[in-house]
Every structure is written in structure tokens, then in C-alpha cells.
Amino acid sequence: MAKVKTIYTCSDCGAISNKWMGQCTSCNQWNTMVETLPETGGNNRYSNPQHMSLAQTAPVLSLDDIDAIDVPRFGTGIEEFDRVLGGGMVAGGVVLIGGDPGIGKSTLLLQALANMSHHKRVLYVSGEESGAQIALRAKRLVIDAKELKLQAEIQLEKILATLADLKPEVVVIDSIQTVYSDALSSAPGSVAQVRECAAQLTRAAKQTGVTIILVGHVTKEGALAGPRVLEHIVDTVLYFEGDAHSSFRLVRAIKNRFGAVNELGVFAMTEKGLKGVSNPSALFLSQHDNQVPGSCVMVTQEGTRPLLVEIQALVDTSHLPNARRLSVGLEQNRLAMLLAVAHRHAGIAAFDQDVFINAVGGVKITEPAADLAVLLAINSSMRNKPLPRGLVVFGEVGLAGEIRPAPRGQERLREAAKLGFTLAVVPKSNLPKQVIEGLKVIGVERIDEAFNKLRDLE
């Protein structure tokens, strides 16, 4: 009996090798080579007529001759979801949404489809749950799903036939890792199957104008499972974030061909499903009867939305040879850099102190505009003196001790004033051109200047 030949495929870039290697030679990633069966005969994707070009070769045009028109959108009935999508769904668009198991992906999409079913033809394709399970969830969520069509199927060819027959306008595939094509001999969820099924569904979306939402699994590290090309194929990539012990969920856009990236939608998990949170800043601010040391409120920018987040710092004498530096919600390496800047340019030494930093509410802040808030919170904790009431700050701190401006500073200040803050310390370049009612704004250029001005206000 002939030995079955196997090949090794990189789960990140799709590169193929005849032997296993610890590191992929194409993308240089480690431990990504997965054993698969080669595709043989007339069923390979290059000889299959389904994989031919979408249309005839397009003519070469000058960019000036092409009309630049806005993409028409339609809402999902969930305001926070529309915000993350850039204003709503786009006809012919493909959206990939990933997140941990049980975080609420299927619940959110079922609610959105039920809302759209009143004015759109919608289809929910489930490869993980039976129709009875989905019906039970719809009953528990108390949603009107009379017009929502459901198909429990994992074979790609049958799904495409259903799309051609029903001609829906919005389709949810839950999940792409369960779908398989008869044209390939590998198992569902393999690199080849995920890549091929996603490509076929994307092609169907572009040809017919149907909007397709793909649900994707995630790995232990939190990245979307399957080949990296999966994220390149689709138009929009959304990540579901949240703590299993918290009722709040965040949906973040990391790629959007039809809108701004890094948009953030905030939801609260209730007995009747996910509900949008209209004022998410309230989630990330602690309620203190009196001002406490080590607490500083900053304004961060998530896409087009300014959010007020409380940064908490705790500085305590270290009893270890090496003082600990722990940061939750902010970059760990940046904390060490900021402590060095504070020592060099403001005379604040913390080499024998344990420093703990936390962003309240479980939000993750990646922008450098949080630098000033971190240093002010650390200084407040070290001196055991609270910062002035009603204070809000933002600004990036450079290695030379200068405070650099943050983008969209005017929007940040207006959001702080709207929520009742009365004092702002910001980079001098972010000073508003017009007075903002109820908000006193102080511009600073260096970190030692910021410390001195706040001491004067105590």
C-alpha cells in the first residue's frame, strides 16, 4: 500500500514545505507549520472553474476619471455596533468578528439580524449550533425573529446554493472554521479549508452584493485562528473583548476599508442580550466620595470617540532586591521609561519602590497620550496627596522631559467639559483657540513644569 504523502503548511502565511520546520522561511514565525494533505487531481483550486476571475479584465482608467462616491450604508438597529462598523453595514462587504468562546458574538449577531429582518432579507447559517438551540436563545432574548431565516449547514457548496436561491441581503456564517468545501480533501478548520471557504464567500459577496459576516475562532493568545490571509481578504475585522467576570463587553475595529479603525463599541451583557452603553466614560471612572492619592483621570481617543479613563497608581516601598513594575491596561515597557524620565527631569526617584499601574474598567490604552496621567498618578501616590478635584489630563512625554501634543485635543477637552470636569492640564500645543465654558485649561511644556503647577493648585 502506497504511503500517504503529507505536506506542511504555515498557519500564518500559508507557505508550503515538504518537511516540518520549527520556523517558517516565508514569514519567520515559529511553530506555525501544520501537517496537511496535498490537494491532487482535478479538484485543486487552480483547475476548478469556481475559482476563475470574477469578471473580464477591467480597462485601465485614469484616477481622475473614476467617480468617488460615498458607500451607501444601512443600520443594524444597534447604535454601538453601527459605530464600530463605521456607520453601518455596506452592501457587498465582508466582516470578520472574533472573540473568546461565550463572550457574546452569536448573541450580538442574532440581535442585529433580528432587527434587520424587518426591512432586509437575512439568513443565519450555523455550523456550531442546531436550529433548536438558536431558537431557544432567541426566545430567551425576547426578540422578534419571525422573518429571520436559519440554515444549519457546514458544506460550502450547499451554503452558496442557498445564497443563490434565497438571495438574502445579509448573511451570518457562524463560524468560518466549521465550513468545509468538497473541492478540498483536508478537514474543516484546516489552513486550506479556512482560506478557501473565506475566499469563496468573499467572491460571492462581491458578485451578488450580499453582506456577509464571518464569525472566527481565536487562539490561546487571542489572535484570530487560521491563516493570516483571512484578515487580508475581508473588508472589516472586529475583535470582541471583555472579562469573563465583568458584564461589559468591548467591540473594537482593527481594520475597516469603509470607516475609521480603532473604533470602540461598548456593550453591557444583560438577561435580554447585549445593550449598547451610551456613556461609556462612566464605566471607566471610579466613584470616590473624597479625592484619593494615586488617581488621575485622562481622556483617551478610541477611533472618533473620546473616552475618560481613570488611571490608578500605587507606589510602595519594595522589600525585594529588584523593585516590581506592574502595569494593567497600559504598556509595561513604557512604564519603566516614564519612571526614568521622571527621575532624570523631575527628580522623582522610584528605584527602591514597587510601582503598580491600573486602567480602571479593564480598558486597554495603547496610545502614548496616557503618559502624563501615569506620571501624575505616580507622583500623587508617592507624596500621598490627591490631585485637585475635577482634574483631567492628557499628553505624551518624551525622553527629554518634554510634553508632546495629542491628536484631536479639542474633542478631548469638550468631552471632559461635558462630563463636568473643571480643570485640564494639557500640552501647550493643545491649548484651545476658544474658551471652553466651565473648563480651565493649563498648558505645560515639560514634565517638571506640570508637577510644579499642580503643587501650586493644592
Protein backbone atom coordinates (compact mmCIF):
# COMPACT_ATOMS: atom_id res chain seq x y z
CA MET A 1 0.00 0.00 0.00
CA ALA A 2 1.40 3.37 -1.04
CA LYS A 3 2.36 5.73 1.75
CA VAL A 4 0.16 8.80 2.04
CA LYS A 5 2.23 11.87 1.29
CA THR A 6 1.81 14.84 3.59
CA ILE A 7 2.95 18.45 3.39
CA TYR A 8 3.38 21.16 6.00
CA THR A 9 1.53 24.46 5.71
CA CYS A 10 2.19 27.65 7.69
CA SER A 11 -0.92 28.65 9.62
CA ASP A 12 0.07 32.34 9.41
CA CYS A 13 1.05 32.93 5.78
CA GLY A 14 0.04 29.68 4.05
CA ALA A 15 3.56 28.78 2.84
CA ILE A 16 4.04 25.11 1.95
CA SER A 17 7.02 22.87 2.78
CA ASN A 18 7.73 19.20 2.16
CA LYS A 19 9.21 18.77 5.64
CA TRP A 20 8.47 20.16 9.08
CA MET A 21 10.45 23.19 10.22
CA GLY A 22 10.40 25.00 13.52
CA GLN A 23 10.41 28.38 11.79
CA CYS A 24 8.54 29.30 8.62
CA THR A 25 11.01 30.51 5.98
CA SER A 26 8.44 32.90 4.45
CA CYS A 27 7.08 34.84 7.45
CA ASN A 28 9.75 33.83 10.03
CA GLN A 29 7.11 32.81 12.59
CA TRP A 30 7.90 29.93 14.98
CA ASN A 31 5.84 26.74 15.45
CA THR A 32 3.30 27.57 12.75
CA MET A 33 3.92 24.62 10.38
CA VAL A 34 0.91 22.25 10.41
CA GLU A 35 0.77 18.85 8.75
CA THR A 36 -1.85 18.66 5.96
CA LEU A 37 -2.71 16.52 2.95
CA PRO A 38 -1.87 17.89 -0.52
CA GLU A 39 -4.71 18.61 -2.93
CA THR A 40 -4.45 16.38 -6.01
CA GLY A 41 -6.31 15.69 -9.22
CA GLY A 42 -8.91 17.91 -10.83
CA ASN A 43 -10.22 19.22 -7.56
CA ASN A 44 -7.37 21.60 -6.84
CA ARG A 45 -8.25 25.22 -6.68
CA TYR A 46 -6.39 26.16 -9.86
CA SER A 47 -8.36 23.80 -12.13
CA ASN A 48 -11.77 24.38 -10.53
CA PRO A 49 -13.91 26.76 -12.66
CA GLN A 50 -15.38 28.24 -9.46
CA HIS A 51 -12.04 29.89 -8.80
CA MET A 52 -11.85 31.76 -12.08
CA SER A 53 -11.71 35.54 -12.19
CA LEU A 54 -14.76 37.46 -11.05
CA ALA A 55 -15.20 39.24 -14.38
CA GLN A 56 -13.42 40.13 -17.59
CA THR A 57 -10.22 42.13 -17.39
CA ALA A 58 -11.09 45.67 -16.33
CA PRO A 59 -9.89 48.53 -18.54
CA VAL A 60 -7.09 50.81 -17.38
CA LEU A 61 -8.52 54.16 -16.26
CA SER A 62 -7.11 57.41 -15.00
CA LEU A 63 -7.84 58.04 -11.34
CA ASP A 64 -9.46 61.37 -12.24
CA ASP A 65 -11.96 59.55 -14.49
CA ILE A 66 -13.28 57.42 -11.60
CA ASP A 67 -16.20 58.87 -9.63
CA ALA A 68 -15.51 59.00 -5.89
CA ILE A 69 -18.87 58.34 -4.26
CA ASP A 70 -19.76 57.58 -0.68
CA VAL A 71 -20.58 53.97 0.06
CA PRO A 72 -24.29 53.60 0.95
CA ARG A 73 -24.88 52.04 4.36
CA PHE A 74 -27.75 50.52 6.28
CA GLY A 75 -28.07 50.23 10.05
CA THR A 76 -28.16 47.11 12.19
CA GLY A 77 -30.57 48.56 14.74
CA ILE A 78 -27.78 48.57 17.37
CA GLU A 79 -26.17 52.00 17.61
CA GLU A 80 -22.90 50.85 19.19
CA PHE A 81 -22.47 48.12 16.56
CA ASP A 82 -23.08 50.64 13.77
CA ARG A 83 -20.43 52.92 15.30
CA VAL A 84 -17.78 50.18 15.18
CA LEU A 85 -18.69 49.35 11.58
CA GLY A 86 -18.14 52.99 10.61
CA GLY A 87 -21.81 53.95 10.36
CA GLY A 88 -23.49 50.69 9.39
CA MET A 89 -23.27 47.73 7.03
CA VAL A 90 -22.10 48.05 3.42
CA ALA A 91 -23.65 46.07 0.56
CA GLY A 92 -21.11 43.53 -0.67
CA GLY A 93 -18.91 44.00 2.40
CA VAL A 94 -17.37 41.11 4.34
CA VAL A 95 -16.98 41.47 8.11
CA LEU A 96 -14.89 39.13 10.28
CA ILE A 97 -15.64 39.18 14.01
CA GLY A 98 -13.59 37.19 16.52
CA GLY A 99 -13.54 36.74 20.27
CA ASP A 100 -13.25 34.28 23.13
CA PRO A 101 -15.85 31.49 23.45
CA GLY A 102 -19.03 32.59 25.18
CA ILE A 103 -18.23 36.31 25.07
CA GLY A 104 -21.38 37.18 23.10
CA LYS A 105 -20.58 37.06 19.36
CA SER A 106 -23.55 34.91 18.39
CA THR A 107 -25.85 36.81 20.73
CA LEU A 108 -24.95 40.19 19.22
CA LEU A 109 -25.29 38.96 15.64
CA LEU A 110 -28.62 37.28 16.35
CA GLN A 111 -29.94 40.55 17.78
CA ALA A 112 -28.64 42.51 14.79
CA LEU A 113 -30.14 40.07 12.27
CA ALA A 114 -33.49 40.16 14.06
CA ASN A 115 -33.51 43.96 13.83
CA MET A 116 -32.57 43.97 10.14
CA SER A 117 -35.06 41.22 9.26
CA HIS A 118 -37.91 43.76 9.34
CA HIS A 119 -36.57 45.58 6.26
CA LYS A 120 -33.92 43.21 4.82
CA ARG A 121 -33.77 39.57 3.72
CA VAL A 122 -31.43 37.94 6.23
CA LEU A 123 -30.00 34.46 6.70
CA TYR A 124 -28.24 32.92 9.71
CA VAL A 125 -26.01 29.94 8.79
CA SER A 126 -24.99 28.00 11.88
CA GLY A 127 -22.29 25.37 11.83
CA GLU A 128 -21.89 25.04 15.59
CA GLU A 129 -25.44 25.03 16.96
CA SER A 130 -28.67 23.35 15.94
CA GLY A 131 -31.76 25.27 14.96
CA ALA A 132 -33.41 24.39 18.28
CA GLN A 133 -30.53 25.92 20.23
CA ILE A 134 -30.71 29.18 18.29
CA ALA A 135 -34.49 29.29 18.64
CA LEU A 136 -34.10 28.82 22.38
CA ARG A 137 -31.63 31.72 22.53
CA ALA A 138 -33.98 33.95 20.54
CA LYS A 139 -36.79 33.11 22.95
CA ARG A 140 -34.59 33.88 25.94
CA LEU A 141 -33.57 37.23 24.44
CA VAL A 142 -37.23 38.05 23.67
CA ILE A 143 -36.54 39.16 20.10
CA ASP A 144 -38.89 39.14 17.13
CA ALA A 145 -37.32 36.70 14.69
CA LYS A 146 -40.33 35.81 12.53
CA GLU A 147 -38.63 36.95 9.31
CA LEU A 148 -35.19 35.56 10.17
CA LYS A 149 -34.19 32.58 8.01
CA LEU A 150 -31.96 29.90 9.53
CA GLN A 151 -29.84 27.14 7.99
CA ALA A 152 -27.77 24.65 9.96
CA GLU A 153 -25.13 23.70 7.40
CA ILE A 154 -21.34 23.43 7.14
CA GLN A 155 -20.82 22.43 3.48
CA LEU A 156 -19.76 25.43 1.42
CA GLU A 157 -21.41 24.32 -1.82
CA LYS A 158 -24.81 23.95 -0.13
CA ILE A 159 -24.43 27.36 1.53
CA LEU A 160 -23.63 29.00 -1.81
CA ALA A 161 -26.63 27.26 -3.38
CA THR A 162 -28.85 28.64 -0.61
CA LEU A 163 -27.50 32.14 -1.24
CA ALA A 164 -28.28 31.81 -4.94
CA ASP A 165 -31.79 30.53 -4.18
CA LEU A 166 -32.93 32.86 -1.38
CA LYS A 167 -30.89 35.90 -2.48
CA PRO A 168 -30.52 37.30 1.07
CA GLU A 169 -29.10 40.77 1.67
CA VAL A 170 -27.29 39.96 4.93
CA VAL A 171 -25.77 36.59 5.88
CA VAL A 172 -24.03 35.45 9.08
CA ILE A 173 -21.68 32.44 8.88
CA ASP A 174 -21.14 31.06 12.40
CA SER A 175 -18.35 30.07 12.20
CA ILE A 176 -15.91 30.07 9.28
CA GLN A 177 -13.77 27.37 10.97
CA THR A 178 -16.63 24.85 10.71
CA VAL A 179 -17.27 25.33 6.99
CA TYR A 180 -15.65 22.94 4.51
CA SER A 181 -15.57 22.59 0.73
CA ASP A 182 -15.83 19.31 -1.19
CA ALA A 183 -13.16 20.63 -3.55
CA LEU A 184 -10.57 20.11 -0.81
CA SER A 185 -9.78 16.87 1.00
CA SER A 186 -8.50 18.42 4.23
CA ALA A 187 -10.58 18.59 7.41
CA PRO A 188 -12.77 21.59 8.37
CA GLY A 189 -10.79 24.21 10.23
CA SER A 190 -7.52 23.43 8.43
CA VAL A 191 -5.49 26.22 6.84
CA ALA A 192 -6.52 25.29 3.32
CA GLN A 193 -10.24 24.96 4.15
CA VAL A 194 -10.47 28.24 6.07
CA ARG A 195 -8.60 30.15 3.39
CA GLU A 196 -10.58 28.64 0.51
CA CYS A 197 -14.03 28.93 2.12
CA ALA A 198 -13.39 32.55 3.10
CA ALA A 199 -12.22 33.35 -0.44
CA GLN A 200 -15.30 31.72 -1.98
CA LEU A 201 -17.70 33.55 0.35
CA THR A 202 -15.91 36.85 -0.28
CA ARG A 203 -16.20 36.27 -4.01
CA ALA A 204 -19.92 35.59 -3.64
CA ALA A 205 -20.34 38.82 -1.64
CA LYS A 206 -18.60 40.91 -4.30
CA GLN A 207 -20.51 39.30 -7.18
CA THR A 208 -24.02 39.49 -5.69
CA GLY A 209 -23.77 42.47 -3.29
CA VAL A 210 -24.77 40.41 -0.23
CA THR A 211 -23.25 41.49 3.08
CA ILE A 212 -21.53 38.56 4.80
CA ILE A 213 -20.48 38.44 8.46
CA LEU A 214 -17.99 35.71 9.34
CA VAL A 215 -17.54 34.58 12.94
CA GLY A 216 -13.97 33.47 13.64
CA HIS A 217 -12.41 31.42 16.44
CA VAL A 218 -9.41 32.76 18.35
CA THR A 219 -6.24 31.06 19.53
CA LYS A 220 -4.97 30.85 23.10
CA GLU A 221 -3.07 34.09 22.53
CA GLY A 222 -6.29 35.85 21.47
CA ALA A 223 -5.46 36.15 17.74
CA LEU A 224 -7.87 35.01 15.05
CA ALA A 225 -7.36 31.33 14.26
CA GLY A 226 -6.47 30.25 10.75
CA PRO A 227 -4.15 31.72 8.14
CA ARG A 228 -3.21 35.37 8.40
CA VAL A 229 -4.52 35.86 4.88
CA LEU A 230 -8.03 35.55 6.34
CA GLU A 231 -7.79 39.06 7.78
CA HIS A 232 -6.45 40.43 4.49
CA ILE A 233 -9.33 39.00 2.44
CA VAL A 234 -12.18 40.61 4.39
CA ASP A 235 -13.13 44.30 4.46
CA THR A 236 -13.61 44.73 8.21
CA VAL A 237 -12.07 42.94 11.20
CA LEU A 238 -13.69 43.29 14.63
CA TYR A 239 -12.45 41.92 17.95
CA PHE A 240 -14.73 41.14 20.89
CA GLU A 241 -13.01 41.95 24.18
CA GLY A 242 -14.13 41.58 27.75
CA ASP A 243 -13.53 39.96 31.11
CA ALA A 244 -15.49 36.83 31.91
CA HIS A 245 -16.12 38.26 35.40
CA SER A 246 -17.50 41.55 34.07
CA SER A 247 -20.83 42.27 32.41
CA PHE A 248 -19.29 44.76 29.98
CA ARG A 249 -18.04 43.90 26.50
CA LEU A 250 -15.95 45.94 24.07
CA VAL A 251 -16.05 45.54 20.30
CA ARG A 252 -13.00 47.06 18.61
CA ALA A 253 -12.38 47.58 14.88
CA ILE A 254 -8.78 46.90 13.89
CA LYS A 255 -9.37 47.04 10.13
CA ASN A 256 -12.11 48.79 8.17
CA ARG A 257 -11.97 49.61 4.49
CA PHE A 258 -15.16 51.63 4.80
CA GLY A 259 -14.54 53.56 8.03
CA ALA A 260 -12.15 54.55 10.78
CA VAL A 261 -10.06 51.92 12.53
CA ASN A 262 -9.77 51.61 16.32
CA GLU A 263 -13.44 52.48 16.75
CA LEU A 264 -14.83 51.14 20.01
CA GLY A 265 -18.32 49.93 20.85
CA VAL A 266 -19.26 49.35 24.48
CA PHE A 267 -21.98 46.87 25.47
CA ALA A 268 -23.46 45.61 28.70
CA MET A 269 -24.47 41.94 28.91
CA THR A 270 -27.98 41.67 30.32
CA GLU A 271 -30.61 38.93 30.61
CA LYS A 272 -32.05 40.12 27.30
CA GLY A 273 -28.78 40.24 25.40
CA LEU A 274 -26.21 42.91 24.71
CA LYS A 275 -27.28 46.52 25.21
CA GLY A 276 -25.27 49.50 23.98
CA VAL A 277 -23.80 51.82 26.61
CA SER A 278 -24.46 55.44 25.66
CA ASN A 279 -21.96 56.95 28.12
CA PRO A 280 -19.03 54.52 28.35
CA SER A 281 -16.84 57.02 30.24
CA ALA A 282 -18.93 56.28 33.34
CA LEU A 283 -17.67 52.68 33.25
CA PHE A 284 -14.03 53.68 33.43
CA LEU A 285 -14.30 56.23 36.24
CA SER A 286 -14.34 55.19 39.90
CA GLN A 287 -16.77 56.85 42.25
CA HIS A 288 -14.91 58.29 45.23
CA ASP A 289 -16.63 60.33 47.95
CA ASN A 290 -13.34 62.12 48.51
CA GLN A 291 -10.27 62.56 46.35
CA VAL A 292 -7.75 59.76 46.86
CA PRO A 293 -3.97 59.76 46.21
CA GLY A 294 -2.71 57.99 43.13
CA SER A 295 -5.78 58.62 40.97
CA CYS A 296 -5.74 60.68 37.77
CA VAL A 297 -8.35 60.94 35.01
CA MET A 298 -7.21 61.11 31.38
CA VAL A 299 -9.00 61.46 28.04
CA THR A 300 -8.09 58.76 25.55
CA GLN A 301 -9.21 58.59 21.94
CA GLU A 302 -10.71 55.38 20.58
CA GLY A 303 -11.26 55.98 16.87
CA THR A 304 -13.52 59.02 16.71
CA ARG A 305 -14.76 58.64 20.30
CA PRO A 306 -13.08 60.38 23.26
CA LEU A 307 -13.24 58.32 26.47
CA LEU A 308 -12.46 59.39 30.02
CA VAL A 309 -10.50 56.72 31.87
CA GLU A 310 -9.18 56.75 35.41
CA ILE A 311 -5.52 55.81 35.83
CA GLN A 312 -4.65 54.48 39.29
CA ALA A 313 -1.13 54.21 40.69
CA LEU A 314 0.17 52.60 43.87
CA VAL A 315 3.76 53.23 44.92
CA ASP A 316 5.06 51.34 47.94
CA THR A 317 8.46 50.56 49.45
CA SER A 318 9.97 47.45 47.86
CA HIS A 319 11.24 44.61 50.06
CA LEU A 320 12.85 42.78 47.13
CA PRO A 321 16.28 43.28 45.54
CA ASN A 322 14.57 44.34 42.30
CA ALA A 323 11.58 46.64 42.62
CA ARG A 324 8.47 45.44 40.79
CA ARG A 325 6.89 47.28 37.86
CA LEU A 326 3.38 46.06 37.07
CA SER A 327 1.05 47.66 34.54
CA VAL A 328 -2.52 46.53 33.77
CA GLY A 329 -4.16 48.07 30.71
CA LEU A 330 -1.05 50.04 29.72
CA GLU A 331 2.30 49.10 28.19
CA GLN A 332 4.73 47.55 30.67
CA ASN A 333 7.89 48.78 28.93
CA ARG A 334 6.56 52.32 28.71
CA LEU A 335 6.14 52.43 32.49
CA ALA A 336 9.85 51.77 33.03
CA MET A 337 10.70 54.50 30.52
CA LEU A 338 8.42 57.04 32.22
CA LEU A 339 9.96 56.33 35.63
CA ALA A 340 13.40 57.01 34.17
CA VAL A 341 12.17 60.30 32.64
CA ALA A 342 10.63 61.38 35.97
CA HIS A 343 13.91 60.67 37.77
CA ARG A 344 16.11 62.45 35.24
CA HIS A 345 13.98 65.54 34.54
CA ALA A 346 11.83 65.97 37.66
CA GLY A 347 13.98 64.48 40.42
CA ILE A 348 11.41 61.81 41.36
CA ALA A 349 13.28 58.62 42.29
CA ALA A 350 11.40 55.32 42.47
CA PHE A 351 14.26 52.83 42.11
CA ASP A 352 13.52 51.36 45.55
CA GLN A 353 9.71 51.49 45.17
CA ASP A 354 7.23 48.97 43.81
CA VAL A 355 5.08 50.71 41.19
CA PHE A 356 1.66 49.35 40.16
CA ILE A 357 -0.46 50.98 37.43
CA ASN A 358 -4.05 50.11 36.54
CA ALA A 359 -6.54 51.42 33.98
CA VAL A 360 -9.97 51.22 35.64
CA GLY A 361 -12.69 49.17 33.96
CA GLY A 362 -10.47 46.71 32.11
CA VAL A 363 -9.90 49.03 29.13
CA LYS A 364 -6.59 48.75 27.26
CA ILE A 365 -4.85 52.01 26.41
CA THR A 366 -2.23 51.82 23.68
CA GLU A 367 -1.77 55.49 22.76
CA PRO A 368 1.12 57.47 24.32
CA ALA A 369 -1.22 60.30 25.38
CA ALA A 370 -1.62 58.44 28.69
CA ASP A 371 1.99 59.25 29.71
CA LEU A 372 1.22 62.46 31.59
CA ALA A 373 -1.65 60.86 33.55
CA VAL A 374 0.57 57.93 34.57
CA LEU A 375 3.32 60.20 35.89
CA LEU A 376 0.90 62.48 37.76
CA ALA A 377 -0.79 59.45 39.37
CA ILE A 378 2.61 58.04 40.41
CA ASN A 379 3.70 61.38 41.88
CA SER A 380 0.40 61.71 43.75
CA SER A 381 0.79 58.23 45.27
CA MET A 382 4.42 58.84 46.28
CA ARG A 383 3.53 62.12 48.02
CA ASN A 384 0.28 60.61 49.41
CA LYS A 385 -1.59 63.74 48.28
CA PRO A 386 -4.61 63.64 45.96
CA LEU A 387 -4.71 65.65 42.76
CA PRO A 388 -7.14 68.60 42.54
CA ARG A 389 -10.82 67.70 42.20
CA GLY A 390 -12.21 67.87 38.68
CA LEU A 391 -8.80 67.46 37.03
CA VAL A 392 -8.37 65.79 33.64
CA VAL A 393 -5.09 65.43 31.71
CA PHE A 394 -3.57 64.01 28.54
CA GLY A 395 -0.20 64.28 26.78
CA GLU A 396 2.76 62.27 25.57
CA VAL A 397 6.04 62.51 27.50
CA GLY A 398 9.31 62.42 25.56
CA LEU A 399 12.69 61.17 26.74
CA ALA A 400 13.93 64.74 27.03
CA GLY A 401 11.15 65.52 29.51
CA GLU A 402 9.05 67.48 27.02
CA ILE A 403 5.28 67.04 26.80
CA ARG A 404 4.16 66.42 23.24
CA PRO A 405 0.69 67.20 21.86
CA ALA A 406 -2.00 64.56 21.39
CA PRO A 407 -4.23 64.35 18.30
CA ARG A 408 -7.80 65.70 18.42
CA GLY A 409 -7.15 67.67 21.59
CA GLN A 410 -10.18 69.94 21.15
CA GLU A 411 -12.57 66.98 21.08
CA ARG A 412 -10.99 65.55 24.22
CA LEU A 413 -11.41 68.82 26.11
CA ARG A 414 -15.02 69.26 25.01
CA GLU A 415 -15.84 65.73 26.18
CA ALA A 416 -14.25 66.43 29.58
CA ALA A 417 -16.21 69.68 29.96
CA LYS A 418 -19.44 67.90 29.01
CA LEU A 419 -18.91 65.40 31.84
CA GLY A 420 -18.36 68.12 34.44
CA PHE A 421 -14.58 68.40 34.73
CA THR A 422 -13.39 71.89 35.57
CA LEU A 423 -9.58 71.76 35.25
CA ALA A 424 -7.37 70.38 32.48
CA VAL A 425 -3.58 70.10 32.22
CA VAL A 426 -2.61 69.53 28.59
CA PRO A 427 0.37 70.04 26.27
CA LYS A 428 0.82 73.71 25.35
CA SER A 429 0.20 72.91 21.67
CA ASN A 430 -3.24 71.53 22.57
CA LEU A 431 -4.49 74.75 24.20
CA PRO A 432 -7.93 75.57 22.73
CA LYS A 433 -8.24 78.59 20.47
CA GLN A 434 -11.59 79.44 22.03
CA VAL A 435 -12.60 79.33 25.67
CA ILE A 436 -14.43 76.15 26.67
CA GLU A 437 -17.20 77.06 29.09
CA GLY A 438 -16.68 75.68 32.59
CA LEU A 439 -13.21 74.30 31.91
CA LYS A 440 -9.94 75.97 32.93
CA VAL A 441 -7.12 74.73 30.68
CA ILE A 442 -3.44 74.92 31.69
CA GLY A 443 -0.78 74.34 29.05
CA VAL A 444 2.58 72.82 30.00
CA GLU A 445 5.74 72.12 28.00
CA ARG A 446 7.82 69.98 30.38
CA ILE A 447 7.11 67.34 32.99
CA ASP A 448 8.68 69.31 35.88
CA GLU A 449 6.51 72.30 34.93
CA ALA A 450 3.38 70.11 35.19
CA PHE A 451 4.36 68.90 38.65
CA ASN A 452 5.07 72.45 39.88
CA LYS A 453 1.79 73.90 38.58
CA LEU A 454 -0.25 71.17 40.23
CA ARG A 455 1.57 71.71 43.54
CA ASP A 456 0.63 75.40 43.32
CA LEU A 457 -3.05 74.40 43.00
CA GLU A 458 -3.05 72.25 46.15
